[in-house]
Protein backbone atom coordinates (compact mmCIF):
# COMPACT_ATOMS: atom_id res chain seq x y z
CA MET A 1 0.00 0.00 0.00
CA SER A 2 1.36 3.44 -0.92
CA SER A 3 2.31 5.73 1.93
CA GLY A 4 -0.44 8.05 3.05
CA VAL A 5 -3.29 5.84 1.84
CA THR A 6 -5.47 5.10 4.84
CA PRO A 7 -6.21 1.45 5.71
CA GLU A 8 -10.00 1.86 5.56
CA CYS A 9 -9.69 2.76 1.88
CA HIS A 10 -9.67 0.16 -0.87
CA VAL A 11 -9.30 -0.06 -4.63
CA ALA A 12 -12.02 -1.72 -6.69
CA VAL A 13 -13.46 -1.57 -10.20
CA PRO A 14 -16.32 0.95 -10.28
CA SER A 15 -19.13 0.78 -12.81
CA ASN A 16 -19.14 3.28 -15.67
CA GLU A 17 -22.23 4.82 -14.06
CA SER A 18 -20.34 5.31 -10.76
CA ILE A 19 -17.46 6.94 -12.61
CA GLU A 20 -19.82 9.25 -14.50
CA GLN A 21 -21.59 10.24 -11.27
CA PHE A 22 -18.22 10.86 -9.54
CA LEU A 23 -16.97 13.07 -12.39
CA ARG A 24 -20.20 15.08 -12.41
CA SER A 25 -19.81 15.72 -8.66
CA LEU A 26 -16.39 17.36 -8.99
CA ASP A 27 -16.13 21.07 -8.36
CA ALA A 28 -12.71 22.32 -7.22
CA GLU A 29 -10.97 19.73 -9.42
CA LYS A 30 -12.46 21.21 -12.60
CA GLU A 31 -9.62 23.75 -12.73
CA TYR A 32 -7.32 21.04 -14.09
CA PHE A 33 -9.65 18.23 -15.08
CA HIS A 34 -11.57 18.93 -18.30
CA PHE A 35 -13.39 15.74 -19.21
CA ASP A 36 -16.97 15.14 -20.24
CA PRO A 37 -18.39 12.75 -17.61
CA ALA A 38 -20.51 11.05 -20.27
CA LEU A 39 -17.27 9.80 -21.86
CA ALA A 40 -16.82 7.53 -18.84
CA ARG A 41 -19.26 5.19 -20.57
CA GLY A 42 -16.46 4.32 -23.00
CA THR A 43 -14.00 3.34 -20.28
CA LEU A 44 -12.21 0.08 -21.10
CA THR A 45 -10.31 -0.40 -17.84
CA ALA A 46 -10.94 1.40 -14.55
CA ALA A 47 -9.96 1.51 -10.91
CA GLY A 48 -11.67 3.45 -8.16
CA HIS A 49 -10.30 4.35 -4.75
CA TYR A 50 -12.98 4.17 -2.12
CA ALA A 51 -12.99 5.90 1.27
CA GLY A 52 -15.78 4.05 2.97
CA ASP A 53 -18.60 3.88 0.42
CA SER A 54 -17.58 7.03 -1.46
CA LEU A 55 -15.22 7.31 -4.40
CA ALA A 56 -12.18 9.43 -3.49
CA GLY A 57 -10.58 9.03 -6.91
CA VAL A 58 -10.88 7.23 -10.22
CA ALA A 59 -8.54 6.32 -13.02
CA GLY A 60 -9.52 4.84 -16.32
CA VAL A 61 -8.35 4.07 -19.79
CA ARG A 62 -10.53 4.73 -22.81
CA ARG A 63 -9.79 4.56 -26.51
CA HIS A 64 -9.50 7.84 -28.42
CA CYS A 65 -8.34 8.06 -32.05
CA GLY A 66 -7.14 4.45 -31.77
CA PHE A 67 -4.92 5.06 -28.73
CA PRO A 68 -5.58 4.05 -25.11
CA VAL A 69 -5.87 7.31 -23.17
CA LEU A 70 -5.49 7.48 -19.39
CA TYR A 71 -7.49 9.77 -17.15
CA VAL A 72 -7.02 10.06 -13.40
CA VAL A 73 -8.70 12.38 -10.93
CA VAL A 74 -8.64 12.47 -7.14
CA ARG A 75 -10.93 14.64 -5.05
CA GLN A 76 -9.07 17.70 -3.82
CA ASP A 77 -9.48 16.75 -0.15
CA TYR A 78 -7.80 13.36 -0.83
CA GLN A 79 -4.90 14.65 -2.94
CA GLY A 80 -1.31 14.20 -1.76
CA ARG A 81 -1.99 10.81 -0.11
CA GLY A 82 -0.68 8.54 -2.88
CA ILE A 83 -4.12 7.68 -4.24
CA GLY A 84 -3.38 8.81 -7.81
CA ARG A 85 -0.18 6.74 -7.88
CA LEU A 86 -1.96 3.70 -6.45
CA LEU A 87 -4.73 3.92 -9.06
CA MET A 88 -2.25 4.36 -11.89
CA GLU A 89 -0.15 1.40 -10.70
CA ARG A 90 -3.29 -0.75 -10.75
CA LEU A 91 -4.16 0.38 -14.27
CA HIS A 92 -0.61 -0.09 -15.51
CA GLU A 93 -0.73 -3.75 -14.37
CA GLN A 94 -3.88 -4.29 -16.43
CA CYS A 95 -2.76 -2.20 -19.43
CA ARG A 96 0.58 -4.01 -19.85
CA LYS A 97 -1.39 -7.10 -20.85
CA ARG A 98 -3.46 -5.31 -23.53
CA HIS A 99 -1.62 -2.24 -24.79
CA ARG A 100 1.84 -1.28 -26.00
CA LEU A 101 1.53 2.25 -24.62
CA ILE A 102 -0.94 4.58 -22.95
CA VAL A 103 -1.17 8.32 -23.47
CA LEU A 104 -2.58 11.22 -21.47
CA THR A 105 -3.08 14.96 -21.62
CA VAL A 106 -2.33 17.13 -18.60
CA GLU A 107 -2.52 20.86 -17.98
CA LYS A 108 0.99 22.35 -17.81
CA ALA A 109 -0.07 24.35 -14.75
CA ASN A 110 -0.89 21.13 -12.86
CA GLU A 111 2.71 20.71 -11.72
CA ARG A 112 1.96 18.02 -9.13
CA ALA A 113 0.32 15.80 -11.75
CA VAL A 114 3.11 16.40 -14.27
CA ALA A 115 5.69 15.44 -11.62
CA LEU A 116 3.72 12.29 -10.74
CA TYR A 117 3.47 11.20 -14.38
CA ARG A 118 7.18 11.80 -15.00
CA SER A 119 8.10 9.86 -11.84
CA MET A 120 6.08 6.94 -13.19
CA GLY A 121 7.95 6.90 -16.50
CA TYR A 122 5.75 9.03 -18.75
CA ALA A 123 7.61 11.01 -21.42
CA THR A 124 6.41 14.21 -23.06
CA LEU A 125 5.35 13.75 -26.68
CA GLY A 126 4.62 17.42 -27.26
CA CYS A 127 2.81 20.41 -25.86
CA GLY A 128 -0.04 22.63 -26.82
CA GLN A 129 -0.84 26.09 -25.58
CA SER A 130 -1.74 24.96 -22.05
CA GLU A 131 -1.37 21.17 -22.11
CA LEU A 132 1.27 18.46 -22.34
CA TYR A 133 0.78 15.22 -24.26
CA MET A 134 2.56 12.35 -22.51
CA ALA A 135 2.98 8.60 -23.07
CA LEU A 136 4.14 5.55 -21.16
CA CYS A 137 5.54 2.81 -23.41
CA PHE A 138 5.37 -0.80 -22.26
CA ASP A 139 7.63 -2.23 -24.99
CA ALA A 140 9.66 -1.32 -28.07
CA LEU A 141 6.63 -1.33 -30.37
CA GLY A 142 4.96 1.11 -27.95
CA GLY A 143 8.03 3.34 -28.40
CA VAL A 144 7.54 3.26 -32.16
CA ALA A 145 3.86 4.13 -31.73
CA ALA A 146 4.81 7.02 -29.41
CA ARG A 147 7.20 8.43 -32.03
CA LEU A 148 4.46 8.15 -34.66
CA LEU A 149 2.01 9.89 -32.35
CA ARG A 150 4.55 12.68 -31.77
CA VAL A 151 4.78 13.23 -35.54
CA LEU A 152 0.98 13.23 -35.86
CA LEU A 153 0.63 15.79 -33.05
CA TRP A 154 3.19 18.10 -34.66
CA SER A 155 1.81 17.75 -38.17
CA SER A 156 -1.76 18.40 -36.96
CA GLY A 157 -0.69 21.71 -35.46
CA LYS A 158 -1.68 20.64 -31.93
CA CYS A 159 1.93 21.02 -30.75
CA ARG A 160 4.18 24.04 -30.80
């Protein structure tokens, strides 16, 4: 168990409906987390961190433009306790079996999240006006896919 995660908390697979409801309930987190809650219905793989009966955080992987895309969000009052890392570790275990890489988008201003992703091995593919595009490669073919994605981002004008 990651340091700071309280023993009464547990990780389980939430339903897409639970994820959607959780995302709709966010308020303070919306500064950095811009995601349509209805998109949770397309989640392929998910993990939820529960504090009692309530979701304290969720992480999921959904397919977008052919790539598995990670999203992770932890309620503001639970941040800094290792929950995001724990959820991502759980998803990485599952994703290694199915995907060659996973990608994510993060706001540049969300320095804590950027530091977490880098500490977990994510590399920057490119950056937009306010966001970074990052990827975690699980094998050599994932590295090739990441380089291809980098070219696509640059040629589409999404990166500067």
